[in-house]
C-alpha atoms as a PDB file:
ATOM      1  CA  UNK A   1     137.743 -97.553-123.749  1.00  0.00           C
ATOM      2  CA  UNK A   2     135.323 -94.998-125.638  1.00  0.00           C
ATOM      3  CA  UNK A   3     135.396 -91.506-123.025  1.00  0.00           C
ATOM      4  CA  UNK A   4     132.040 -90.875-122.780  1.00  0.00           C
ATOM      5  CA  UNK A   5     131.414 -87.450-123.491  1.00  0.00           C
ATOM      6  CA  UNK A   6     129.696 -84.307-120.922  1.00  0.00           C
ATOM      7  CA  UNK A   7     126.781 -82.411-121.918  1.00  0.00           C
ATOM      8  CA  UNK A   8     125.481 -79.519-119.613  1.00  0.00           C
ATOM      9  CA  UNK A   9     121.396 -79.358-118.525  1.00  0.00           C
ATOM     10  CA  UNK A  10     120.147 -76.261-119.409  1.00  0.00           C
ATOM     11  CA  UNK A  11     118.163 -75.854-115.967  1.00  0.00           C
ATOM     12  CA  UNK A  12     121.755 -74.700-114.459  1.00  0.00           C
ATOM     13  CA  UNK A  13     121.496 -71.764-116.232  1.00  0.00           C
ATOM     14  CA  UNK A  14     118.083 -70.790-116.843  1.00  0.00           C
ATOM     15  CA  UNK A  15     118.233 -67.660-115.930  1.00  0.00           C
ATOM     16  CA  UNK A  16     121.072 -66.791-118.212  1.00  0.00           C
ATOM     17  CA  UNK A  17     119.312 -68.927-121.198  1.00  0.00           C
ATOM     18  CA  UNK A  18     116.180 -66.150-119.847  1.00  0.00           C
ATOM     19  CA  UNK A  19     118.495 -63.404-120.932  1.00  0.00           C
ATOM     20  CA  UNK A  20     120.280 -64.304-123.655  1.00  0.00           C
ATOM     21  CA  UNK A  21     120.013 -67.879-124.791  1.00  0.00           C
ATOM     22  CA  UNK A  22     122.565 -67.794-127.859  1.00  0.00           C
ATOM     23  CA  UNK A  23     125.039 -65.687-126.034  1.00  0.00           C
ATOM     24  CA  UNK A  24     124.277 -68.606-123.383  1.00  0.00           C
ATOM     25  CA  UNK A  25     124.675 -71.601-125.703  1.00  0.00           C
ATOM     26  CA  UNK A  26     128.217 -69.708-126.893  1.00  0.00           C
ATOM     27  CA  UNK A  27     129.519 -69.850-123.343  1.00  0.00           C
ATOM     28  CA  UNK A  28     128.612 -73.215-122.646  1.00  0.00           C
ATOM     29  CA  UNK A  29     129.944 -74.498-125.255  1.00  0.00           C
ATOM     30  CA  UNK A  30     133.438 -72.919-124.623  1.00  0.00           C
ATOM     31  CA  UNK A  31     133.888 -74.520-121.670  1.00  0.00           C
ATOM     32  CA  UNK A  32     134.142 -77.283-123.479  1.00  0.00           C
ATOM     33  CA  UNK A  33     130.587 -79.132-122.538  1.00  0.00           C
ATOM     34  CA  UNK A  34     130.113 -81.375-125.552  1.00  0.00           C
ATOM     35  CA  UNK A  35     126.112 -80.819-125.885  1.00  0.00           C
ATOM     36  CA  UNK A  36     122.973 -80.146-123.913  1.00  0.00           C
ATOM     37  CA  UNK A  37     119.672 -80.935-121.993  1.00  0.00           C
ATOM     38  CA  UNK A  38     116.702 -79.492-122.393  1.00  0.00           C
ATOM     39  CA  UNK A  39     113.722 -78.530-120.293  1.00  0.00           C
ATOM     40  CA  UNK A  40     110.540 -77.532-121.522  1.00  0.00           C
ATOM     41  CA  UNK A  41     110.337 -73.861-122.749  1.00  0.00           C
ATOM     42  CA  UNK A  42     106.862 -72.827-122.368  1.00  0.00           C
ATOM     43  CA  UNK A  43     107.447 -69.273-123.586  1.00  0.00           C
ATOM     44  CA  UNK A  44     110.664 -70.175-125.360  1.00  0.00           C
ATOM     45  CA  UNK A  45     112.066 -69.279-129.093  1.00  0.00           C
ATOM     46  CA  UNK A  46     109.972 -72.140-131.582  1.00  0.00           C
ATOM     47  CA  UNK A  47     111.974 -75.713-131.988  1.00  0.00           C
ATOM     48  CA  UNK A  48     113.821 -74.650-135.413  1.00  0.00           C
ATOM     49  CA  UNK A  49     114.946 -71.657-133.650  1.00  0.00           C
ATOM     50  CA  UNK A  50     116.623 -73.673-130.471  1.00  0.00           C
ATOM     51  CA  UNK A  51     117.775 -75.973-133.394  1.00  0.00           C
ATOM     52  CA  UNK A  52     119.446 -73.833-134.949  1.00  0.00           C
ATOM     53  CA  UNK A  53     121.491 -71.990-131.607  1.00  0.00           C
ATOM     54  CA  UNK A  54     122.352 -75.104-130.633  1.00  0.00           C
ATOM     55  CA  UNK A  55     123.870 -76.814-133.936  1.00  0.00           C
ATOM     56  CA  UNK A  56     125.834 -73.119-134.634  1.00  0.00           C
ATOM     57  CA  UNK A  57     127.186 -73.279-131.599  1.00  0.00           C
ATOM     58  CA  UNK A  58     128.542 -77.144-132.332  1.00  0.00           C
ATOM     59  CA  UNK A  59     126.787 -78.432-129.443  1.00  0.00           C
ATOM     60  CA  UNK A  60     124.740 -81.675-129.926  1.00  0.00           C
ATOM     61  CA  UNK A  61     121.098 -81.269-128.100  1.00  0.00           C
ATOM     62  CA  UNK A  62     121.461 -84.630-126.384  1.00  0.00           C
ATOM     63  CA  UNK A  63     118.238 -84.826-124.379  1.00  0.00           C
ATOM     64  CA  UNK A  64     114.833 -83.090-123.394  1.00  0.00           C
ATOM     65  CA  UNK A  65     112.818 -83.120-120.175  1.00  0.00           C
ATOM     66  CA  UNK A  66     109.380 -83.672-121.088  1.00  0.00           C
ATOM     67  CA  UNK A  67     106.711 -83.529-118.870  1.00  0.00           C
ATOM     68  CA  UNK A  68     104.483 -86.543-117.189  1.00  0.00           C
ATOM     69  CA  UNK A  69     101.193 -84.994-118.647  1.00  0.00           C
ATOM     70  CA  UNK A  70     102.453 -83.120-121.458  1.00  0.00           C
ATOM     71  CA  UNK A  71     103.534 -87.223-123.288  1.00  0.00           C
ATOM     72  CA  UNK A  72     100.058 -88.331-121.698  1.00  0.00           C
ATOM     73  CA  UNK A  73      97.987 -85.806-122.506  1.00  0.00           C
ATOM     74  CA  UNK A  74      99.263 -84.495-125.756  1.00  0.00           C
ATOM     75  CA  UNK A  75     101.604 -86.460-127.210  1.00  0.00           C
ATOM     76  CA  UNK A  76     101.242 -85.616-130.574  1.00  0.00           C
ATOM     77  CA  UNK A  77     102.294 -82.022-130.366  1.00  0.00           C
ATOM     78  CA  UNK A  78     104.892 -82.895-127.443  1.00  0.00           C
ATOM     79  CA  UNK A  79     105.878 -85.630-129.943  1.00  0.00           C
ATOM     80  CA  UNK A  80     106.589 -83.366-133.517  1.00  0.00           C
ATOM     81  CA  UNK A  81     107.777 -80.515-131.637  1.00  0.00           C
ATOM     82  CA  UNK A  82     110.772 -82.708-130.369  1.00  0.00           C
ATOM     83  CA  UNK A  83     110.795 -84.197-133.835  1.00  0.00           C
ATOM     84  CA  UNK A  84     111.646 -80.251-134.756  1.00  0.00           C
ATOM     85  CA  UNK A  85     113.906 -80.054-132.606  1.00  0.00           C
ATOM     86  CA  UNK A  86     116.365 -83.031-134.153  1.00  0.00           C
ATOM     87  CA  UNK A  87     116.220 -85.273-131.020  1.00  0.00           C
ATOM     88  CA  UNK A  88     115.766 -88.729-129.491  1.00  0.00           C
ATOM     89  CA  UNK A  89     115.571 -89.020-126.530  1.00  0.00           C
ATOM     90  CA  UNK A  90     113.029 -87.883-123.949  1.00  0.00           C
ATOM     91  CA  UNK A  91     113.389 -87.845-120.074  1.00  0.00           C
ATOM     92  CA  UNK A  92     110.190 -87.826-118.479  1.00  0.00           C
ATOM     93  CA  UNK A  93     110.821 -85.552-115.166  1.00  0.00           C
ATOM     94  CA  UNK A  94     108.480 -86.886-112.594  1.00  0.00           C
ATOM     95  CA  UNK A  95     105.555 -89.300-111.664  1.00  0.00           C
ATOM     96  CA  UNK A  96     103.541 -86.325-110.261  1.00  0.00           C
ATOM     97  CA  UNK A  97     103.069 -85.735-107.658  1.00  0.00           C
ATOM     98  CA  UNK A  98      99.266 -86.265-106.988  1.00  0.00           C
ATOM     99  CA  UNK A  99     100.043 -90.191-108.698  1.00  0.00           C
ATOM    100  CA  UNK A 100     102.408 -90.373-105.724  1.00  0.00           C
ATOM    101  CA  UNK A 101      99.717 -90.495-102.711  1.00  0.00           C
ATOM    102  CA  UNK A 102      98.826 -94.384-102.947  1.00  0.00           C
ATOM    103  CA  UNK A 103     100.055 -97.629-104.645  1.00  0.00           C
ATOM    104  CA  UNK A 104      97.679 -97.569-107.109  1.00  0.00           C
ATOM    105  CA  UNK A 105      98.306 -94.034-108.528  1.00  0.00           C
ATOM    106  CA  UNK A 106     101.775 -95.423-108.237  1.00  0.00           C
ATOM    107  CA  UNK A 107     100.485 -98.301-109.856  1.00  0.00           C
ATOM    108  CA  UNK A 108      98.545 -96.185-112.659  1.00  0.00           C
ATOM    109  CA  UNK A 109     101.359 -94.433-113.213  1.00  0.00           C
ATOM    110  CA  UNK A 110     103.321 -97.451-114.458  1.00  0.00           C
ATOM    111  CA  UNK A 111     100.557 -98.533-116.736  1.00  0.00           C
ATOM    112  CA  UNK A 112     100.522 -94.877-117.866  1.00  0.00           C
ATOM    113  CA  UNK A 113     104.674 -94.606-118.101  1.00  0.00           C
ATOM    114  CA  UNK A 114     104.876 -97.747-119.867  1.00  0.00           C
ATOM    115  CA  UNK A 115     101.987 -96.995-122.447  1.00  0.00           C
ATOM    116  CA  UNK A 116     103.702 -93.799-123.133  1.00  0.00           C
ATOM    117  CA  UNK A 117     107.088 -94.910-123.770  1.00  0.00           C
ATOM    118  CA  UNK A 118     106.076 -97.600-125.902  1.00  0.00           C
ATOM    119  CA  UNK A 119     104.156 -95.183-128.282  1.00  0.00           C
ATOM    120  CA  UNK A 120     107.407 -93.036-128.643  1.00  0.00           C
ATOM    121  CA  UNK A 121     109.618 -95.723-128.917  1.00  0.00           C
ATOM    122  CA  UNK A 122     107.431 -96.286-132.093  1.00  0.00           C
ATOM    123  CA  UNK A 123     108.059 -92.632-132.829  1.00  0.00           C
ATOM    124  CA  UNK A 124     111.517 -93.061-133.149  1.00  0.00           C
ATOM    125  CA  UNK A 125     112.421 -92.119-129.477  1.00  0.00           C
ATOM    126  CA  UNK A 126     113.543 -93.313-126.590  1.00  0.00           C
ATOM    127  CA  UNK A 127     112.428 -93.295-123.305  1.00  0.00           C
ATOM    128  CA  UNK A 128     113.964 -92.714-119.472  1.00  0.00           C
ATOM    129  CA  UNK A 129     112.618 -91.246-115.867  1.00  0.00           C
ATOM    130  CA  UNK A 130     114.293 -88.722-113.850  1.00  0.00           C
ATOM    131  CA  UNK A 131     114.572 -90.048-110.507  1.00  0.00           C
ATOM    132  CA  UNK A 132     114.449 -87.235-107.455  1.00  0.00           C
ATOM    133  CA  UNK A 133     114.652 -88.307-103.662  1.00  0.00           C
ATOM    134  CA  UNK A 134     110.903 -89.238-102.996  1.00  0.00           C
ATOM    135  CA  UNK A 135     111.447 -92.617-105.775  1.00  0.00           C
ATOM    136  CA  UNK A 136     114.611 -93.581-103.361  1.00  0.00           C
ATOM    137  CA  UNK A 137     111.866 -93.002 -99.898  1.00  0.00           C
ATOM    138  CA  UNK A 138     108.587 -94.072-101.079  1.00  0.00           C
ATOM    139  CA  UNK A 139     107.382 -97.575-101.366  1.00  0.00           C
ATOM    140  CA  UNK A 140     105.087 -99.370-103.395  1.00  0.00           C
ATOM    141  CA  UNK A 141     103.970-102.973-102.134  1.00  0.00           C
ATOM    142  CA  UNK A 142     106.917-102.589 -99.576  1.00  0.00           C
ATOM    143  CA  UNK A 143     109.550-102.265-102.705  1.00  0.00           C
ATOM    144  CA  UNK A 144     111.334 -98.897-103.579  1.00  0.00           C
ATOM    145  CA  UNK A 145     109.077 -96.892-105.440  1.00  0.00           C
ATOM    146  CA  UNK A 146     111.728 -96.520-108.144  1.00  0.00           C
ATOM    147  CA  UNK A 147     112.777 -99.905-108.379  1.00  0.00           C
ATOM    148  CA  UNK A 148     109.169-100.406-108.808  1.00  0.00           C
ATOM    149  CA  UNK A 149     108.886 -98.436-111.487  1.00  0.00           C
ATOM    150  CA  UNK A 150     111.922-100.355-113.700  1.00  0.00           C
ATOM    151  CA  UNK A 151     110.574-104.044-112.465  1.00  0.00           C
ATOM    152  CA  UNK A 152     107.355-103.633-114.169  1.00  0.00           C
ATOM    153  CA  UNK A 153     108.642-101.889-117.709  1.00  0.00           C
ATOM    154  CA  UNK A 154     110.877-103.750-119.635  1.00  0.00           C
ATOM    155  CA  UNK A 155     114.448-102.656-120.243  1.00  0.00           C
ATOM    156  CA  UNK A 156     113.797-101.863-124.325  1.00  0.00           C
ATOM    157  CA  UNK A 157     110.560 -99.601-123.247  1.00  0.00           C
ATOM    158  CA  UNK A 158     112.229 -97.452-120.390  1.00  0.00           C
ATOM    159  CA  UNK A 159     116.066 -96.576-119.161  1.00  0.00           C
ATOM    160  CA  UNK A 160     116.801 -94.682-115.805  1.00  0.00           C
ATOM    161  CA  UNK A 161     118.459 -91.454-116.139  1.00  0.00           C
ATOM    162  CA  UNK A 162     119.695 -91.599-113.031  1.00  0.00           C
ATOM    163  CA  UNK A 163     120.691 -88.700-110.714  1.00  0.00           C
ATOM    164  CA  UNK A 164     124.048 -89.200-108.441  1.00  0.00           C
ATOM    165  CA  UNK A 165     123.007 -86.134-106.246  1.00  0.00           C
ATOM    166  CA  UNK A 166     119.429 -87.487-104.893  1.00  0.00           C
ATOM    167  CA  UNK A 167     120.958 -90.937-104.450  1.00  0.00           C
ATOM    168  CA  UNK A 168     123.600 -89.179-102.681  1.00  0.00           C
ATOM    169  CA  UNK A 169     121.357 -87.392-100.231  1.00  0.00           C
ATOM    170  CA  UNK A 170     119.124 -89.558 -99.692  1.00  0.00           C
ATOM    171  CA  UNK A 171     122.089 -92.065 -97.805  1.00  0.00           C
ATOM    172  CA  UNK A 172     122.494 -94.630-100.610  1.00  0.00           C
ATOM    173  CA  UNK A 173     125.206 -95.367-103.088  1.00  0.00           C
ATOM    174  CA  UNK A 174     125.201 -93.925-106.902  1.00  0.00           C
ATOM    175  CA  UNK A 175     127.628 -96.545-107.945  1.00  0.00           C
ATOM    176  CA  UNK A 176     125.595 -99.365-106.794  1.00  0.00           C
ATOM    177  CA  UNK A 177     122.433 -97.742-108.803  1.00  0.00           C
ATOM    178  CA  UNK A 178     124.450 -97.322-112.055  1.00  0.00           C
ATOM    179  CA  UNK A 179     125.973-100.833-111.681  1.00  0.00           C
ATOM    180  CA  UNK A 180     122.039-102.211-110.855  1.00  0.00           C
ATOM    181  CA  UNK A 181     121.433 -99.991-114.122  1.00  0.00           C
ATOM    182  CA  UNK A 182     123.630-101.157-116.775  1.00  0.00           C
ATOM    183  CA  UNK A 183     123.131-101.061-119.787  1.00  0.00           C
ATOM    184  CA  UNK A 184     120.198 -99.335-118.639  1.00  0.00           C
ATOM    185  CA  UNK A 185     121.221 -95.665-117.805  1.00  0.00           C
ATOM    186  CA  UNK A 186     122.543 -94.245-121.687  1.00  0.00           C
ATOM    187  CA  UNK A 187     122.259 -90.718-119.619  1.00  0.00           C
ATOM    188  CA  UNK A 188     123.509 -89.969-115.785  1.00  0.00           C
ATOM    189  CA  UNK A 189     123.076 -86.490-114.817  1.00  0.00           C
ATOM    190  CA  UNK A 190     125.635 -85.980-112.674  1.00  0.00           C
ATOM    191  CA  UNK A 191     125.551 -83.385-109.029  1.00  0.00           C
ATOM    192  CA  UNK A 192     127.827 -83.392-106.025  1.00  0.00           C
ATOM    193  CA  UNK A 193     126.186 -83.501-102.973  1.00  0.00           C
ATOM    194  CA  UNK A 194     127.668 -80.343-100.910  1.00  0.00           C
ATOM    195  CA  UNK A 195     130.166 -80.769 -97.885  1.00  0.00           C
ATOM    196  CA  UNK A 196     128.176 -79.942 -94.352  1.00  0.00           C
ATOM    197  CA  UNK A 197     130.355 -76.864 -94.100  1.00  0.00           C
ATOM    198  CA  UNK A 198     128.749 -75.634 -98.121  1.00  0.00           C
ATOM    199  CA  UNK A 199     125.691 -73.101 -97.989  1.00  0.00           C
ATOM    200  CA  UNK A 200     124.292 -75.098-100.861  1.00  0.00           C
ATOM    201  CA  UNK A 201     123.429 -78.990-100.478  1.00  0.00           C
ATOM    202  CA  UNK A 202     124.414 -78.744-104.285  1.00  0.00           C
ATOM    203  CA  UNK A 203     127.728 -78.269-105.055  1.00  0.00           C
ATOM    204  CA  UNK A 204     130.111 -78.762-108.333  1.00  0.00           C
ATOM    205  CA  UNK A 205     131.480 -81.595-109.978  1.00  0.00           C
ATOM    206  CA  UNK A 206     134.512 -82.805-107.214  1.00  0.00           C
ATOM    207  CA  UNK A 207     133.889 -80.203-104.697  1.00  0.00           C
ATOM    208  CA  UNK A 208     131.532 -81.857-102.721  1.00  0.00           C
ATOM    209  CA  UNK A 209     131.196 -85.790-101.233  1.00  0.00           C
ATOM    210  CA  UNK A 210     130.584 -88.297-104.134  1.00  0.00           C
ATOM    211  CA  UNK A 211     133.311 -90.701-104.695  1.00  0.00           C
ATOM    212  CA  UNK A 212     133.763 -89.602-108.744  1.00  0.00           C
ATOM    213  CA  UNK A 213     136.183 -91.999-108.993  1.00  0.00           C
ATOM    214  CA  UNK A 214     134.148 -95.087-108.322  1.00  0.00           C
ATOM    215  CA  UNK A 215     130.968 -93.250-110.490  1.00  0.00           C
ATOM    216  CA  UNK A 216     132.986 -92.703-113.543  1.00  0.00           C
ATOM    217  CA  UNK A 217     134.830 -96.231-113.170  1.00  0.00           C
ATOM    218  CA  UNK A 218     130.478 -97.539-112.944  1.00  0.00           C
ATOM    219  CA  UNK A 219     129.101 -95.648-115.661  1.00  0.00           C
ATOM    220  CA  UNK A 220     132.055 -96.371-118.173  1.00  0.00           C
ATOM    221  CA  UNK A 221     131.741-100.495-116.818  1.00  0.00           C
ATOM    222  CA  UNK A 222     127.552 -99.830-117.450  1.00  0.00           C
ATOM    223  CA  UNK A 223     127.394 -98.369-120.824  1.00  0.00           C
ATOM    224  CA  UNK A 224     126.388 -94.578-120.057  1.00  0.00           C
ATOM    225  CA  UNK A 225     126.364 -92.912-123.018  1.00  0.00           C
ATOM    226  CA  UNK A 226     126.404 -89.419-122.057  1.00  0.00           C
ATOM    227  CA  UNK A 227     127.432 -87.061-118.537  1.00  0.00           C
ATOM    228  CA  UNK A 228     124.903 -84.716-118.332  1.00  0.00           C
ATOM    229  CA  UNK A 229     126.135 -82.023-115.492  1.00  0.00           C
ATOM    230  CA  UNK A 230     123.449 -80.060-113.608  1.00  0.00           C
ATOM    231  CA  UNK A 231     123.470 -78.016-110.425  1.00  0.00           C
ATOM    232  CA  UNK A 232     120.571 -75.963-108.734  1.00  0.00           C
ATOM    233  CA  UNK A 233     123.048 -73.318-106.891  1.00  0.00           C
ATOM    234  CA  UNK A 234     121.719 -70.595-104.599  1.00  0.00           C
ATOM    235  CA  UNK A 235     125.407 -69.020-103.780  1.00  0.00           C
ATOM    236  CA  UNK A 236     126.495 -68.587-107.399  1.00  0.00           C
ATOM    237  CA  UNK A 237     125.288 -67.869-110.571  1.00  0.00           C
ATOM    238  CA  UNK A 238     124.309 -70.279-112.421  1.00  0.00           C
ATOM    239  CA  UNK A 239     126.821 -70.013-115.609  1.00  0.00           C
ATOM    240  CA  UNK A 240     129.667 -69.615-113.175  1.00  0.00           C
ATOM    241  CA  UNK A 241     128.849 -73.522-111.158  1.00  0.00           C
ATOM    242  CA  UNK A 242     128.633 -74.538-114.765  1.00  0.00           C
ATOM    243  CA  UNK A 243     132.299 -73.312-115.442  1.00  0.00           C
ATOM    244  CA  UNK A 244     133.566 -74.739-111.904  1.00  0.00           C
ATOM    245  CA  UNK A 245     132.143 -78.262-113.066  1.00  0.00           C
ATOM    246  CA  UNK A 246     133.503 -77.899-116.753  1.00  0.00           C
ATOM    247  CA  UNK A 247     137.378 -77.144-114.550  1.00  0.00           C
ATOM    248  CA  UNK A 248     136.787 -80.599-112.883  1.00  0.00           C
ATOM    249  CA  UNK A 249     135.604 -82.471-115.816  1.00  0.00           C
ATOM    250  CA  UNK A 250     138.811 -80.847-117.571  1.00  0.00           C
ATOM    251  CA  UNK A 251     141.254 -81.657-115.036  1.00  0.00           C
ATOM    252  CA  UNK A 252     139.996 -85.270-115.673  1.00  0.00           C
ATOM    253  CA  UNK A 253     140.523 -84.958-119.100  1.00  0.00           C
ATOM    254  CA  UNK A 254     136.951 -85.480-120.171  1.00  0.00           C
ATOM    255  CA  UNK A 255     135.848 -82.166-121.267  1.00  0.00           C
END
């Protein structure tokens, strides 16, 4: 079976990136990560410069998160930016908060997301939606909101970027969701949920409560193409958290 490569969501090292993007990318590559996922960088370098920095470190630009409103209201410019960056996976970070207040709001969000994803597909991009906790806790017509979104938009239009931490955090099973979305979860966000004794809610991979043996087995069976590490810890710097997760993945022979 082909080994799934490991990338880093750069939100993990956002503070370090603001201080020294090139140097931070070099450290990420040295840790063993094979690729990176971007978040919107409103005040960052131009796309061509970002692409050059990433490629110079022998990293793959896997994907980028995009704002729902950016893709909806500024589609042409958003697509042009990501074509310049040179990747083909867009991830919608979340349904806007004002659309999550009612069933009708969710339904309108689904209609807009469906339209955006279809247009992006024609432009050469694959679109996923990332989950947080609220999609797993809210309902639309009595159905879990996350399930509702994906029941309304077909697999060839929208993929799921599952986030293991948020699934675990609401008391559900990441393995069950990975299997449920088999062949529809090319990019899997891997975060660990901290133990009760930890000062943070999240922790580096292998230091929390998630059963990674089961997650990795389900991912391999379900067609996952990339593991993407993401952390938001408060007690240690992001670069250190990224290093600790890389060390765990290295101990498993994955980086």
